[in-house]
Amino acid sequence: MAAATPNKQRQTIDKLKAAWLERKIDIAKLTETQDGKFINVMVGESWPIIRIGASGGVELPQVRSYSRAFDAALNGLELWQKQQARDAKKQAATAPAAKPATAATAPAKAPDAKGAPRDTPASRKAKADQAIEAQLQSATA
């Protein structure tokens, strides 16, 4: 009787292992976990998860963009680090600068018919916001 042929998942994993060894990537910490019909492969702690489907298809759920899945799995660490660097740069660029609360930022009160300033809902909300900001600043100081 002939030896049992490995399934497509196992063949894909074996191809990846061979390619990683050829590129001199340490696969000593490689882990494979069964997740339903998928096998999740982790090459190392800092690598993204590589998901192998029942038909041998490769997917990297943590990496947002790649052209070829098998090639992306081989270079997973590099792609993952580039994506994290872009995310960190984007986060730093979009982070608002902290502004101190000043009275100039409060909206001006609209005068009533007699010319005296009246409280509008916006001015009451601004006062409440300033009071909360003052409490937060005194609590952190």
Protein backbone atom coordinates (compact mmCIF):
# COMPACT_ATOMS: atom_id res chain seq x y z
CA MET A 1 0.00 0.00 0.00
CA ALA A 2 1.30 3.48 -0.90
CA ALA A 3 2.12 6.03 1.79
CA ALA A 4 -0.63 8.54 2.53
CA THR A 5 -0.16 11.74 0.58
CA PRO A 6 -0.02 14.89 2.69
CA ASN A 7 -2.94 17.27 2.35
CA LYS A 8 -2.67 20.67 0.67
CA GLN A 9 -2.29 22.52 3.98
CA ARG A 10 0.71 20.38 4.95
CA GLN A 11 2.25 20.79 1.49
CA THR A 12 1.96 24.58 1.70
CA ILE A 13 3.47 24.64 5.20
CA ASP A 14 6.34 22.43 4.04
CA LYS A 15 6.97 24.77 1.06
CA LEU A 16 7.03 27.77 3.39
CA LYS A 17 9.43 26.04 5.79
CA ALA A 18 11.77 25.13 2.94
CA ALA A 19 11.71 28.70 1.60
CA TRP A 20 12.34 30.16 5.06
CA LEU A 21 15.28 27.81 5.60
CA GLU A 22 16.64 28.78 2.17
CA ARG A 23 16.47 32.46 3.22
CA LYS A 24 18.19 31.54 6.53
CA ILE A 25 15.20 32.54 8.66
CA ASP A 26 15.19 30.88 12.08
CA ILE A 27 12.13 28.63 12.33
CA ALA A 28 13.03 27.12 15.71
CA LYS A 29 10.14 28.99 17.36
CA LEU A 30 7.65 28.12 14.60
CA THR A 31 4.24 27.19 16.00
CA GLU A 32 1.25 25.70 14.22
CA THR A 33 -2.21 25.86 15.77
CA GLN A 34 -5.35 24.35 14.36
CA ASP A 35 -8.19 26.90 14.15
CA GLY A 36 -11.19 25.15 12.71
CA LYS A 37 -10.36 24.41 9.09
CA PHE A 38 -7.34 26.74 9.15
CA ILE A 39 -3.84 26.22 10.46
CA ASN A 40 -2.32 29.37 11.95
CA VAL A 41 1.46 29.51 11.59
CA MET A 42 3.65 31.84 13.66
CA VAL A 43 7.33 31.89 12.72
CA GLY A 44 8.38 33.95 15.74
CA GLU A 45 7.04 36.30 18.39
CA SER A 46 7.27 39.41 16.22
CA TRP A 47 5.92 37.78 13.04
CA PRO A 48 2.31 38.22 11.90
CA ILE A 49 -0.03 35.23 11.83
CA ILE A 50 -0.01 33.27 8.58
CA ARG A 51 -3.25 31.41 8.00
CA ILE A 52 -3.27 28.34 5.74
CA GLY A 53 -6.67 27.27 4.40
CA ALA A 54 -7.92 23.74 3.73
CA SER A 55 -7.08 24.06 0.02
CA GLY A 56 -3.54 25.29 0.79
CA GLY A 57 -4.31 28.97 0.32
CA VAL A 58 -2.21 31.49 2.26
CA GLU A 59 -3.59 34.54 4.04
CA LEU A 60 -2.07 37.13 6.37
CA PRO A 61 -4.98 38.62 8.36
CA GLN A 62 -2.84 41.17 10.22
CA VAL A 63 -1.16 42.59 7.09
CA ARG A 64 -3.49 44.91 5.22
CA SER A 65 -1.83 44.98 1.80
CA TYR A 66 0.21 42.49 -0.20
CA SER A 67 0.29 41.47 -3.85
CA ARG A 68 1.00 37.74 -3.60
CA ALA A 69 0.10 35.85 -0.46
CA PHE A 70 2.87 33.23 -0.62
CA ASP A 71 5.54 35.90 -1.14
CA ALA A 72 4.01 37.97 1.64
CA ALA A 73 4.19 34.95 3.96
CA LEU A 74 7.88 34.56 3.16
CA ASN A 75 8.54 38.25 3.88
CA GLY A 76 5.91 38.53 6.61
CA LEU A 77 8.15 40.11 9.22
CA GLU A 78 9.34 42.84 6.85
CA LEU A 79 5.82 43.68 5.65
CA TRP A 80 4.47 43.67 9.22
CA GLN A 81 7.21 46.01 10.46
CA LYS A 82 6.69 48.42 7.55
CA GLN A 83 2.95 48.50 8.22
CA GLN A 84 3.51 49.18 11.93
CA ALA A 85 6.00 51.96 11.12
CA ARG A 86 3.48 53.59 8.74
CA ASP A 87 0.75 53.30 11.36
CA ALA A 88 2.97 54.87 14.04
CA LYS A 89 3.97 57.71 11.69
CA LYS A 90 0.34 58.32 10.74
CA GLN A 91 -0.73 58.27 14.39
CA ALA A 92 1.96 60.81 15.33
CA ALA A 93 1.02 63.10 12.44
CA THR A 94 -2.70 63.11 13.23
CA ALA A 95 -2.35 63.47 17.01
CA PRO A 96 -3.69 66.91 17.99
CA ALA A 97 -1.37 69.22 19.84
CA ALA A 98 -2.47 69.91 23.40
CA LYS A 99 -3.84 73.42 23.76
CA PRO A 100 -4.21 75.14 27.12
CA ALA A 101 -7.75 76.24 27.92
CA THR A 102 -8.08 80.01 27.68
CA ALA A 103 -10.92 82.45 28.04
CA ALA A 104 -10.39 83.53 24.42
CA THR A 105 -11.69 80.18 23.21
CA ALA A 106 -15.05 80.68 24.93
CA PRO A 107 -17.79 81.95 22.62
CA ALA A 108 -18.89 85.51 23.13
CA LYS A 109 -22.25 86.09 24.77
CA ALA A 110 -24.90 87.54 22.51
CA PRO A 111 -26.53 90.70 23.94
CA ASP A 112 -30.23 90.63 24.72
CA ALA A 113 -32.71 93.35 23.77
CA LYS A 114 -31.49 95.64 26.58
CA GLY A 115 -27.84 95.31 25.48
CA ALA A 116 -26.80 93.11 28.44
CA PRO A 117 -25.07 89.84 27.57
CA ARG A 118 -27.34 86.84 27.94
CA ASP A 119 -26.57 83.19 28.49
CA THR A 120 -27.03 81.08 25.38
CA PRO A 121 -26.95 77.26 25.39
CA ALA A 122 -23.56 77.42 23.69
CA SER A 123 -22.11 79.78 26.30
CA ARG A 124 -23.48 77.61 29.15
CA LYS A 125 -21.89 74.53 27.56
CA ALA A 126 -18.59 76.39 27.15
CA LYS A 127 -18.64 77.35 30.86
CA ALA A 128 -19.35 73.76 31.85
CA ASP A 129 -16.54 72.52 29.58
CA GLN A 130 -14.11 75.04 31.08
CA ALA A 131 -15.08 73.95 34.59
CA ILE A 132 -14.44 70.32 33.69
CA GLU A 133 -11.09 71.21 32.09
CA ALA A 134 -10.09 73.15 35.22
CA GLN A 135 -10.98 70.16 37.40
CA LEU A 136 -8.96 67.82 35.21
CA GLN A 137 -5.95 70.14 35.20
CA SER A 138 -6.05 70.53 38.98
CA ALA A 139 -6.41 66.77 39.42
CA THR A 140 -3.36 66.03 37.24
CA ALA A 141 -1.23 68.79 38.80
